[in-house]
């Protein structure tokens, strides 16, 4: 086997558990990106794949590897995601078709020319087979809060002071319920690939059926899209300007920041990775607080409940 000297010593043992690459000369290199998983590009004479080695201890974050596998299969059937080649649950190995591509950066997501392409691949995923579970950020945030308290994780100052604002957002969104669709729910720029002709979506750890406006609002928040760029993305997605959908997406972006803050708090308390999860989460929390305390917050709630 040809491999980089930086790869962990157990990589041979891991790969020997996979039928698709076992007993074959192979080349292995580690792919960059990903905070909680290792990604290996493995090639043999017969296959060209990405092997994702996932953390087995993901219960506090609400990750179910069997659900992730099922949703990855559904996402592949939609045409929005790479094909699933193999899955070894005992070793937390998920093998996907390798796509020769560039990983998007946040600046790429903000490129005006990419907004219709992103909307298109989201529509492709959202029109595919339904996922095996649902995803609701309000429920996820409440679960993260319980987990954070249980492990004694540090909670940002005044975090619970904004529960009334969250309840108002929940009520506004519920006043015009949206049909749920299969969503990735974690579209960081790094989870979008560009092969030069089209985009692909990867990483379905947090996938579930959800309001498509959460997908768009969360994506916009993760890549720091301006309000105008988010409006353009939503308009590309729905094919026409819908002010209440734009407002829904903005609200979901705020909810995402508030909820993922606790994801970061849990990671800061439990992860052995050399990454400043606390600062990462506080940046999101600060943006959520700015939105909650903005003079435009009431207007945003109103726009989300009114027909165009």
Protein backbone atom coordinates (compact mmCIF):
# COMPACT_ATOMS: atom_id res chain seq x y z
CA UNK A 1 0.00 0.00 0.00
CA UNK A 2 1.20 3.49 -0.84
CA UNK A 3 0.25 5.99 1.82
CA UNK A 4 1.20 9.29 3.38
CA UNK A 5 3.49 9.16 6.40
CA UNK A 6 1.01 11.36 8.25
CA UNK A 7 -1.70 8.70 8.27
CA UNK A 8 -2.48 7.00 11.59
CA UNK A 9 -0.87 3.65 12.27
CA UNK A 10 -4.20 1.81 12.38
CA UNK A 11 -5.22 2.76 8.85
CA UNK A 12 -4.26 -0.64 7.41
CA UNK A 13 -6.38 -2.45 9.99
CA UNK A 14 -9.32 -0.18 9.26
CA UNK A 15 -9.15 -0.57 5.49
CA UNK A 16 -8.74 -4.34 5.71
CA UNK A 17 -12.29 -4.46 7.09
CA UNK A 18 -13.66 -3.18 3.76
CA UNK A 19 -14.52 -5.66 1.04
CA UNK A 20 -14.13 -3.03 -1.66
CA UNK A 21 -10.42 -2.41 -0.98
CA UNK A 22 -9.32 -5.50 0.94
CA UNK A 23 -6.53 -7.65 -0.53
CA UNK A 24 -5.76 -5.14 -3.28
CA UNK A 25 -2.79 -2.80 -3.80
CA UNK A 26 -4.06 0.62 -2.80
CA UNK A 27 -3.07 4.22 -2.54
CA UNK A 28 -4.29 6.19 0.46
CA UNK A 29 -4.20 9.88 1.27
CA UNK A 30 -5.93 11.82 4.00
CA UNK A 31 -8.36 14.51 2.88
CA UNK A 32 -8.45 17.82 4.71
CA UNK A 33 -11.57 19.23 6.30
CA UNK A 34 -13.98 17.79 8.83
CA UNK A 35 -13.87 18.50 12.54
CA UNK A 36 -15.10 15.18 13.91
CA UNK A 37 -14.29 12.61 11.20
CA UNK A 38 -11.26 11.40 9.27
CA UNK A 39 -11.65 11.15 5.50
CA UNK A 40 -9.39 8.90 3.43
CA UNK A 41 -9.17 8.89 -0.36
CA UNK A 42 -8.46 5.28 -1.33
CA UNK A 43 -7.82 4.04 -4.86
CA UNK A 44 -7.27 0.54 -6.18
CA UNK A 45 -7.36 -0.84 -9.70
CA UNK A 46 -11.10 -1.40 -9.22
CA UNK A 47 -12.41 1.44 -7.05
CA UNK A 48 -11.91 5.13 -6.30
CA UNK A 49 -13.58 5.92 -3.00
CA UNK A 50 -13.65 8.08 0.10
CA UNK A 51 -13.60 6.18 3.38
CA UNK A 52 -15.00 8.18 6.24
CA UNK A 53 -13.92 7.08 9.70
CA UNK A 54 -16.47 8.45 12.14
CA UNK A 55 -16.38 8.95 15.86
CA UNK A 56 -18.26 6.22 17.68
CA UNK A 57 -18.94 8.50 20.63
CA UNK A 58 -21.45 10.86 19.02
CA UNK A 59 -24.52 10.26 21.18
CA UNK A 60 -24.32 13.61 22.96
CA UNK A 61 -24.48 15.33 19.57
CA UNK A 62 -27.54 13.36 18.51
CA UNK A 63 -25.81 11.48 15.69
CA UNK A 64 -27.20 8.02 14.88
CA UNK A 65 -24.87 6.25 12.44
CA UNK A 66 -27.58 3.85 11.20
CA UNK A 67 -29.84 6.81 10.40
CA UNK A 68 -26.93 8.58 8.72
CA UNK A 69 -26.27 5.53 6.54
CA UNK A 70 -29.93 5.21 5.52
CA UNK A 71 -30.13 8.91 4.71
CA UNK A 72 -26.88 8.78 2.74
CA UNK A 73 -28.42 6.06 0.58
CA UNK A 74 -31.55 8.17 0.04
CA UNK A 75 -29.46 11.26 -0.75
CA UNK A 76 -27.50 9.28 -3.34
CA UNK A 77 -30.75 8.10 -4.94
CA UNK A 78 -31.84 11.72 -5.25
CA UNK A 79 -28.78 12.40 -7.42
CA UNK A 80 -27.54 15.16 -5.10
CA UNK A 81 -24.93 13.07 -3.27
CA UNK A 82 -22.23 10.53 -4.14
CA UNK A 83 -23.13 6.84 -4.24
CA UNK A 84 -22.70 4.75 -1.10
CA UNK A 85 -20.29 1.87 -1.78
CA UNK A 86 -20.03 0.09 1.57
CA UNK A 87 -20.83 0.49 5.25
CA UNK A 88 -19.20 -1.28 8.21
CA UNK A 89 -21.11 -0.18 11.31
CA UNK A 90 -18.91 -1.94 13.88
CA UNK A 91 -15.91 0.08 12.66
CA UNK A 92 -17.89 3.27 11.90
CA UNK A 93 -16.73 3.19 8.28
CA UNK A 94 -18.82 4.69 5.49
CA UNK A 95 -17.48 4.36 1.95
CA UNK A 96 -18.61 6.76 -0.77
CA UNK A 97 -17.87 7.19 -4.44
CA UNK A 98 -15.01 9.65 -4.90
CA UNK A 99 -15.99 12.75 -6.87
CA UNK A 100 -13.11 14.62 -8.51
CA UNK A 101 -14.02 18.09 -7.35
CA UNK A 102 -13.15 21.20 -5.39
CA UNK A 103 -14.59 21.81 -1.95
CA UNK A 104 -16.40 25.12 -1.75
CA UNK A 105 -15.14 27.83 0.56
CA UNK A 106 -17.39 30.36 2.27
CA UNK A 107 -16.33 32.96 -0.30
CA UNK A 108 -17.46 30.58 -3.07
CA UNK A 109 -20.90 30.25 -1.51
CA UNK A 110 -21.16 34.03 -1.48
CA UNK A 111 -20.38 34.27 -5.20
CA UNK A 112 -23.51 35.52 -6.95
CA UNK A 113 -23.04 33.03 -9.80
CA UNK A 114 -23.08 30.11 -7.36
CA UNK A 115 -26.38 30.96 -5.67
CA UNK A 116 -28.60 29.43 -8.41
CA UNK A 117 -26.33 26.36 -8.52
CA UNK A 118 -26.67 25.89 -4.76
CA UNK A 119 -30.44 26.33 -4.98
CA UNK A 120 -30.53 23.72 -7.76
CA UNK A 121 -28.65 21.03 -5.85
CA UNK A 122 -30.76 21.71 -2.74
CA UNK A 123 -33.93 21.27 -4.80
CA UNK A 124 -32.51 18.01 -6.16
CA UNK A 125 -31.95 16.65 -2.67
CA UNK A 126 -35.27 17.98 -1.40
CA UNK A 127 -37.22 16.33 -4.23
CA UNK A 128 -35.62 12.93 -3.56
CA UNK A 129 -36.69 10.06 -1.30
CA UNK A 130 -37.73 11.07 2.19
CA UNK A 131 -35.28 10.42 4.99
CA UNK A 132 -35.95 7.98 7.81
CA UNK A 133 -36.14 10.68 10.50
CA UNK A 134 -37.18 14.27 11.06
CA UNK A 135 -35.04 17.22 12.15
CA UNK A 136 -36.38 20.18 14.16
CA UNK A 137 -33.76 22.64 15.41
CA UNK A 138 -35.91 23.76 18.34
CA UNK A 139 -36.12 20.16 19.58
CA UNK A 140 -32.42 19.62 18.84
CA UNK A 141 -31.48 22.76 20.79
CA UNK A 142 -33.53 21.60 23.76
CA UNK A 143 -31.82 18.19 23.65
CA UNK A 144 -28.40 19.82 23.47
CA UNK A 145 -29.28 21.99 26.46
CA UNK A 146 -30.19 18.92 28.53
CA UNK A 147 -26.96 17.19 27.47
CA UNK A 148 -24.89 20.28 28.29
CA UNK A 149 -26.39 20.44 31.78
CA UNK A 150 -25.85 16.71 32.32
CA UNK A 151 -22.13 16.88 31.55
CA UNK A 152 -21.59 20.23 33.23
CA UNK A 153 -20.65 22.01 30.01
CA UNK A 154 -20.12 25.76 30.08
CA UNK A 155 -23.18 27.67 28.80
CA UNK A 156 -22.83 31.17 27.30
CA UNK A 157 -23.85 34.04 29.56
CA UNK A 158 -27.55 34.97 29.28
CA UNK A 159 -28.19 32.00 26.99
CA UNK A 160 -31.51 31.13 28.61
CA UNK A 161 -32.62 34.77 28.60
CA UNK A 162 -33.52 34.36 24.94
CA UNK A 163 -35.91 31.43 25.34
CA UNK A 164 -38.92 33.81 24.93
CA UNK A 165 -37.58 34.94 21.55
CA UNK A 166 -37.17 31.32 20.49
CA UNK A 167 -40.78 30.64 21.51
CA UNK A 168 -41.94 33.60 19.43
CA UNK A 169 -40.03 32.27 16.44
CA UNK A 170 -41.48 28.81 16.94
CA UNK A 171 -44.99 30.28 17.00
CA UNK A 172 -44.39 32.41 13.91
CA UNK A 173 -43.03 29.45 11.94
CA UNK A 174 -45.88 27.19 13.10
CA UNK A 175 -48.50 29.70 11.98
CA UNK A 176 -47.82 28.71 8.37
CA UNK A 177 -46.52 25.14 8.55
CA UNK A 178 -44.21 24.12 5.72
CA UNK A 179 -44.14 20.73 4.04
CA UNK A 180 -40.99 19.00 5.17
CA UNK A 181 -38.47 17.61 2.69
CA UNK A 182 -35.23 15.62 3.05
CA UNK A 183 -32.60 18.15 4.17
CA UNK A 184 -28.90 17.93 4.92
CA UNK A 185 -29.31 20.46 7.76
CA UNK A 186 -25.55 21.07 8.01
CA UNK A 187 -24.54 22.72 4.75
CA UNK A 188 -21.23 24.23 5.63
CA UNK A 189 -19.34 25.35 2.55
CA UNK A 190 -17.09 22.29 3.06
CA UNK A 191 -20.10 20.01 2.58
CA UNK A 192 -20.63 21.26 -0.98
CA UNK A 193 -18.44 19.94 -3.81
CA UNK A 194 -18.01 21.45 -7.28
CA UNK A 195 -16.91 19.04 -10.04
CA UNK A 196 -16.73 21.87 -12.57
CA UNK A 197 -20.14 21.26 -14.09
CA UNK A 198 -22.40 20.68 -11.10
CA UNK A 199 -22.50 20.67 -7.30
CA UNK A 200 -22.74 17.70 -4.93
CA UNK A 201 -23.74 17.54 -1.25
CA UNK A 202 -21.95 15.40 1.32
CA UNK A 203 -22.04 14.59 5.04
CA UNK A 204 -25.50 13.54 6.25
CA UNK A 205 -24.80 13.22 9.98
CA UNK A 206 -27.55 15.69 10.85
CA UNK A 207 -29.84 14.95 7.94
CA UNK A 208 -33.60 14.63 8.37
CA UNK A 209 -36.88 15.80 6.93
CA UNK A 210 -37.24 19.51 7.62
CA UNK A 211 -38.56 22.84 6.36
CA UNK A 212 -36.49 23.68 3.26
CA UNK A 213 -36.16 27.21 4.63
CA UNK A 214 -34.02 25.79 7.43
CA UNK A 215 -31.63 24.38 4.84
CA UNK A 216 -31.37 27.76 3.12
CA UNK A 217 -31.17 29.84 6.29
CA UNK A 218 -28.62 27.58 7.94
CA UNK A 219 -26.50 27.50 4.77
CA UNK A 220 -26.62 31.28 4.57
CA UNK A 221 -25.63 31.61 8.22
CA UNK A 222 -22.73 29.16 7.92
CA UNK A 223 -21.23 31.07 4.99
CA UNK A 224 -22.14 34.55 6.26
CA UNK A 225 -24.38 35.52 3.34
CA UNK A 226 -25.74 39.04 3.43
CA UNK A 227 -29.49 39.56 3.76
CA UNK A 228 -29.65 40.40 0.05
CA UNK A 229 -27.72 37.24 -0.88
CA UNK A 230 -30.02 35.09 1.26
CA UNK A 231 -33.03 36.69 -0.41
CA UNK A 232 -31.51 35.89 -3.81
CA UNK A 233 -30.82 32.27 -2.78
CA UNK A 234 -34.40 31.81 -1.55
CA UNK A 235 -35.75 33.39 -4.73
CA UNK A 236 -33.65 31.08 -6.89
CA UNK A 237 -34.85 28.10 -4.88
CA UNK A 238 -38.58 28.89 -5.12
CA UNK A 239 -38.43 30.38 -8.60
CA UNK A 240 -39.95 33.71 -7.54
CA UNK A 241 -39.62 36.25 -4.76
CA UNK A 242 -41.61 35.19 -1.71
CA UNK A 243 -41.14 37.56 1.19
CA UNK A 244 -42.53 35.18 3.80
CA UNK A 245 -40.12 32.43 2.66
CA UNK A 246 -37.21 34.85 2.86
CA UNK A 247 -38.31 35.79 6.40
CA UNK A 248 -38.70 32.11 7.35
CA UNK A 249 -35.19 31.41 6.11
CA UNK A 250 -33.82 34.32 8.14
CA UNK A 251 -35.58 33.02 11.27
CA UNK A 252 -34.25 29.54 10.71
CA UNK A 253 -30.76 30.97 10.35
CA UNK A 254 -31.12 32.61 13.76
CA UNK A 255 -32.41 29.35 15.26
CA UNK A 256 -29.47 27.52 13.74
CA UNK A 257 -26.97 29.89 15.33
CA UNK A 258 -28.69 29.57 18.72
CA UNK A 259 -28.83 25.76 18.54
CA UNK A 260 -25.37 25.09 17.14
CA UNK A 261 -23.96 27.24 19.94
CA UNK A 262 -24.73 24.37 22.33
CA UNK A 263 -23.26 21.82 19.90
CA UNK A 264 -20.03 23.78 20.26
CA UNK A 265 -20.38 23.96 24.04
CA UNK A 266 -20.70 20.17 24.23
CA UNK A 267 -17.73 19.72 21.93
CA UNK A 268 -15.67 22.20 23.96
CA UNK A 269 -16.38 20.13 27.08
CA UNK A 270 -15.79 16.68 25.61
CA UNK A 271 -13.67 16.73 22.45
CA UNK A 272 -9.97 15.89 22.46
CA UNK A 273 -9.46 17.63 19.13
CA UNK A 274 -7.13 20.61 18.94
CA UNK A 275 -9.85 23.04 17.89
CA UNK A 276 -11.36 26.03 19.68
CA UNK A 277 -14.99 24.92 19.69
CA UNK A 278 -15.92 27.51 22.30
CA UNK A 279 -14.86 30.48 20.17
CA UNK A 280 -16.51 28.90 17.13
CA UNK A 281 -19.78 28.60 19.04
CA UNK A 282 -19.58 32.05 20.61
CA UNK A 283 -19.34 33.64 17.18
CA UNK A 284 -22.67 32.00 16.36
CA UNK A 285 -24.16 32.96 19.71
CA UNK A 286 -23.16 36.59 19.26
CA UNK A 287 -24.91 36.68 15.90
CA UNK A 288 -28.04 35.09 17.39
CA UNK A 289 -28.09 37.66 20.20
CA UNK A 290 -27.67 40.48 17.69
CA UNK A 291 -30.71 39.20 15.80
CA UNK A 292 -32.82 38.68 18.94
CA UNK A 293 -32.12 42.23 20.11
CA UNK A 294 -32.40 43.89 16.71
CA UNK A 295 -35.17 46.46 16.20
CA UNK A 296 -36.05 44.48 13.05
CA UNK A 297 -36.85 41.26 14.97
CA UNK A 298 -40.58 41.96 15.35
CA UNK A 299 -40.89 42.89 11.69
CA UNK A 300 -39.17 39.65 10.69
CA UNK A 301 -41.65 37.62 12.74
CA UNK A 302 -44.52 39.50 11.12
CA UNK A 303 -43.24 38.94 7.58
CA UNK A 304 -42.91 35.21 8.22
CA UNK A 305 -46.60 34.91 9.12
CA UNK A 306 -48.08 37.09 6.35
CA UNK A 307 -48.91 35.92 2.83
CA UNK A 308 -47.16 37.73 -0.02
